[in-house]
Amino acid sequence: MSRGNLTTESLKRRIEPTSSTSFAVSSAGVYTLTEIEAFNIPTLWNANGTVCVSSSRGAKGLFYGTAADNSTGHAFRIYVMLRLEGRKDTDVQYDVKRIYSGTFTMGSMVGKDDQGAVKTTERFADTIDTWVTEAFGTWTNLYMGSSAITPFSPADNTVAYFGIQDGGNCAGYLVDLDAASGTIGCLLSRDT
């Protein structure tokens, strides 16, 4: 399937890693921008990087954190945000739907620069242990004609990646994290 002209960006650190041992988003549902910002989790908006006016296509990411080498049980949930508008452009809400979830394991590879996306005190995840396509993710794959996502998970102390081929022209993505130990984070980039 051709994706036409694809514009992509570098993977970026969008928020500091979390040590939370529970997910911030308690359930899928309709939220305001203020409520979404209060989650304080990695958020990837549309192509212009502001509150969404146009839609995003795909995304890619990787996990990192201060947890020990081979530490397991770090969990993630990936959501799409669908923009709902009232009669005025300022009357906006977002329908947040979970599309993927799973767990990952930290590897031994660390970042190379204390000012970089992944610091020298942080490790890259090298294994995405489980990857579950949720019901809305299945619908999105069918609706957009996309194939199911299989993350790149080398399990050899190099970097594991995930990609989302097409988010159904969503307003953006949320990545909710639950740390088993240490802190964990997610670098994200958009494809438009």
Protein backbone atom coordinates (compact mmCIF):
# COMPACT_ATOMS: atom_id res chain seq x y z
CA MET A 1 0.00 0.00 0.00
CA SER A 2 1.48 3.35 -1.01
CA ARG A 3 1.62 6.03 1.66
CA GLY A 4 2.28 8.86 -0.80
CA ASN A 5 4.61 11.63 0.24
CA LEU A 6 5.79 10.88 3.75
CA THR A 7 7.30 13.48 6.03
CA THR A 8 8.94 12.25 9.20
CA GLU A 9 10.89 13.78 12.06
CA SER A 10 13.49 12.75 14.58
CA LEU A 11 12.46 10.81 17.65
CA LYS A 12 12.05 13.41 20.41
CA ARG A 13 11.96 13.44 24.19
CA ARG A 14 8.58 15.08 24.80
CA ILE A 15 8.41 14.76 28.59
CA GLU A 16 10.69 13.57 31.38
CA PRO A 17 10.44 9.86 32.27
CA THR A 18 7.99 8.69 34.91
CA SER A 19 8.43 6.49 37.95
CA SER A 20 4.67 6.00 38.20
CA THR A 21 3.56 2.48 39.00
CA SER A 22 0.07 3.06 37.62
CA PHE A 23 -1.35 4.35 34.36
CA ALA A 24 -2.44 8.02 34.14
CA VAL A 25 -5.36 7.40 31.76
CA SER A 26 -7.93 5.44 33.75
CA SER A 27 -10.15 4.67 30.76
CA ALA A 28 -10.86 5.52 27.16
CA GLY A 29 -13.39 8.31 26.79
CA VAL A 30 -13.92 11.93 25.84
CA TYR A 31 -11.54 14.48 27.35
CA THR A 32 -10.84 18.20 27.07
CA LEU A 33 -7.40 19.53 26.20
CA THR A 34 -6.90 20.56 29.83
CA GLU A 35 -7.65 17.01 31.00
CA ILE A 36 -5.25 15.52 28.43
CA GLU A 37 -2.47 17.90 29.48
CA ALA A 38 -3.07 16.94 33.13
CA PHE A 39 -2.15 13.32 32.33
CA ASN A 40 1.46 14.53 31.99
CA ILE A 41 2.43 11.64 29.70
CA PRO A 42 4.21 11.52 26.31
CA THR A 43 1.85 13.16 23.81
CA LEU A 44 2.35 13.51 20.09
CA TRP A 45 0.13 16.05 18.34
CA ASN A 46 -0.44 16.63 14.62
CA ALA A 47 2.20 17.72 12.12
CA ASN A 48 2.49 21.34 13.22
CA GLY A 49 3.17 20.36 16.83
CA THR A 50 0.37 22.44 18.32
CA VAL A 51 -3.14 21.70 19.42
CA CYS A 52 -4.47 19.70 16.53
CA VAL A 53 -6.15 21.37 13.59
CA SER A 54 -5.07 18.85 10.96
CA SER A 55 -4.55 15.13 11.30
CA SER A 56 -1.56 12.87 11.78
CA ARG A 57 -0.87 9.66 9.91
CA GLY A 58 1.64 7.41 11.60
CA ALA A 59 4.14 7.48 14.42
CA LYS A 60 7.15 5.63 15.70
CA GLY A 61 8.79 5.38 19.07
CA LEU A 62 11.12 3.67 21.49
CA PHE A 63 11.19 3.15 25.24
CA TYR A 64 14.00 4.09 27.65
CA GLY A 65 14.58 4.64 31.36
CA THR A 66 16.74 4.27 34.44
CA ALA A 67 15.53 0.78 35.31
CA ALA A 68 18.19 -1.94 35.49
CA ASP A 69 19.44 -4.03 32.58
CA ASN A 70 17.05 -6.94 31.95
CA SER A 71 14.35 -5.44 34.22
CA THR A 72 10.97 -6.61 32.98
CA GLY A 73 7.30 -5.82 33.45
CA HIS A 74 7.38 -2.18 32.28
CA ALA A 75 3.96 -1.63 30.71
CA PHE A 76 2.60 0.75 28.08
CA ARG A 77 -0.72 1.71 26.53
CA ILE A 78 -0.92 3.66 23.27
CA TYR A 79 -3.99 5.75 22.52
CA VAL A 80 -5.21 7.75 19.52
CA MET A 81 -7.03 11.03 20.06
CA LEU A 82 -9.86 11.81 17.66
CA ARG A 83 -10.81 15.49 17.51
CA LEU A 84 -14.49 16.34 18.09
CA GLU A 85 -15.56 19.90 17.24
CA GLY A 86 -18.63 21.86 18.19
CA ARG A 87 -20.11 24.66 16.12
CA LYS A 88 -17.08 26.85 16.86
CA ASP A 89 -13.46 25.82 16.28
CA THR A 90 -12.83 26.53 19.96
CA ASP A 91 -15.43 23.95 21.08
CA VAL A 92 -13.09 20.96 21.00
CA GLN A 93 -13.01 17.65 22.80
CA TYR A 94 -10.95 14.53 22.11
CA ASP A 95 -12.21 10.95 21.99
CA VAL A 96 -9.32 8.92 23.42
CA LYS A 97 -9.21 5.28 22.25
CA ARG A 98 -6.63 2.64 23.18
CA ILE A 99 -5.09 0.97 20.13
CA TYR A 100 -2.11 -0.97 21.52
CA SER A 101 -0.74 -2.16 24.85
CA GLY A 102 2.09 -4.35 26.06
CA THR A 103 5.27 -4.69 28.08
CA PHE A 104 8.97 -4.17 27.50
CA THR A 105 12.37 -5.07 28.96
CA MET A 106 15.34 -2.74 29.42
CA GLY A 107 18.65 -3.53 27.69
CA SER A 108 22.21 -2.59 28.65
CA MET A 109 22.78 0.10 25.95
CA VAL A 110 22.80 3.62 27.43
CA GLY A 111 22.55 7.09 25.91
CA LYS A 112 25.70 8.95 24.86
CA ASP A 113 25.05 12.52 25.96
CA ASP A 114 23.60 14.01 29.15
CA GLN A 115 21.86 16.65 27.01
CA GLY A 116 20.61 14.12 24.48
CA ALA A 117 17.29 12.39 24.02
CA VAL A 118 18.50 9.46 26.13
CA LYS A 119 21.03 10.37 28.81
CA THR A 120 24.12 8.44 29.90
CA THR A 121 22.22 7.35 33.04
CA GLU A 122 19.34 5.92 31.00
CA ARG A 123 19.03 2.63 29.11
CA PHE A 124 17.19 1.78 25.90
CA ALA A 125 14.58 -0.96 25.93
CA ASP A 126 15.83 -3.81 23.75
CA THR A 127 12.76 -6.04 23.93
CA ILE A 128 9.06 -5.39 23.45
CA ASP A 129 7.83 -8.51 25.22
CA THR A 130 4.15 -8.28 24.43
CA TRP A 131 2.29 -6.22 21.85
CA VAL A 132 -1.51 -6.41 21.97
CA THR A 133 -3.72 -4.83 19.32
CA GLU A 134 -6.78 -3.53 21.14
CA ALA A 135 -10.27 -3.55 19.59
CA PHE A 136 -10.04 0.03 18.27
CA GLY A 137 -6.56 -0.72 16.92
CA THR A 138 -8.00 -3.62 14.94
CA TRP A 139 -10.75 -1.36 13.58
CA THR A 140 -8.20 1.34 12.68
CA ASN A 141 -6.05 -1.22 10.83
CA LEU A 142 -9.09 -2.41 8.85
CA TYR A 143 -10.44 1.09 8.23
CA MET A 144 -7.11 2.44 6.98
CA GLY A 145 -6.17 -0.73 5.11
CA SER A 146 -3.08 -1.10 7.27
CA SER A 147 -1.44 -4.32 8.25
CA ALA A 148 -1.08 -5.28 11.91
CA ILE A 149 1.94 -3.75 13.63
CA THR A 150 4.88 -5.90 14.61
CA PRO A 151 7.45 -4.05 16.68
CA PHE A 152 11.18 -4.41 16.04
CA SER A 153 12.35 -6.23 19.15
CA PRO A 154 15.95 -7.45 18.82
CA ALA A 155 16.47 -8.59 22.47
CA ASP A 156 20.23 -8.15 21.97
CA ASN A 157 20.98 -4.91 23.89
CA THR A 158 20.29 -2.75 20.83
CA VAL A 159 17.27 -0.48 20.53
CA ALA A 160 13.74 -1.86 20.13
CA TYR A 161 11.26 0.27 18.12
CA PHE A 162 7.54 0.33 17.49
CA GLY A 163 5.73 1.90 14.57
CA ILE A 164 2.14 2.79 13.86
CA GLN A 165 1.53 2.74 10.14
CA ASP A 166 -1.60 4.87 10.23
CA GLY A 167 -3.60 6.15 13.20
CA GLY A 168 -6.78 6.75 11.22
CA ASN A 169 -5.99 10.45 10.69
CA CYS A 170 -6.09 11.01 14.42
CA ALA A 171 -5.39 14.30 16.18
CA GLY A 172 -2.45 12.64 17.94
CA TYR A 173 -1.18 9.88 20.18
CA LEU A 174 -0.80 9.36 23.94
CA VAL A 175 1.67 6.85 25.39
CA ASP A 176 0.78 5.93 28.97
CA LEU A 177 3.51 4.20 31.00
CA ASP A 178 3.61 2.04 34.13
CA ALA A 179 7.13 1.53 35.51
CA ALA A 180 7.95 -1.78 37.21
CA SER A 181 11.09 -0.13 38.64
CA GLY A 182 13.18 2.99 38.11
CA THR A 183 11.85 5.54 35.63
CA ILE A 184 10.67 4.92 32.07
CA GLY A 185 9.91 7.16 29.12
CA CYS A 186 9.11 7.10 25.42
CA LEU A 187 10.67 8.99 22.51
CA LEU A 188 8.15 9.72 19.74
CA SER A 189 8.12 11.05 16.20
CA ARG A 190 5.30 11.66 13.76
CA ASP A 191 4.86 10.73 10.13
CA THR A 192 2.59 12.99 8.15
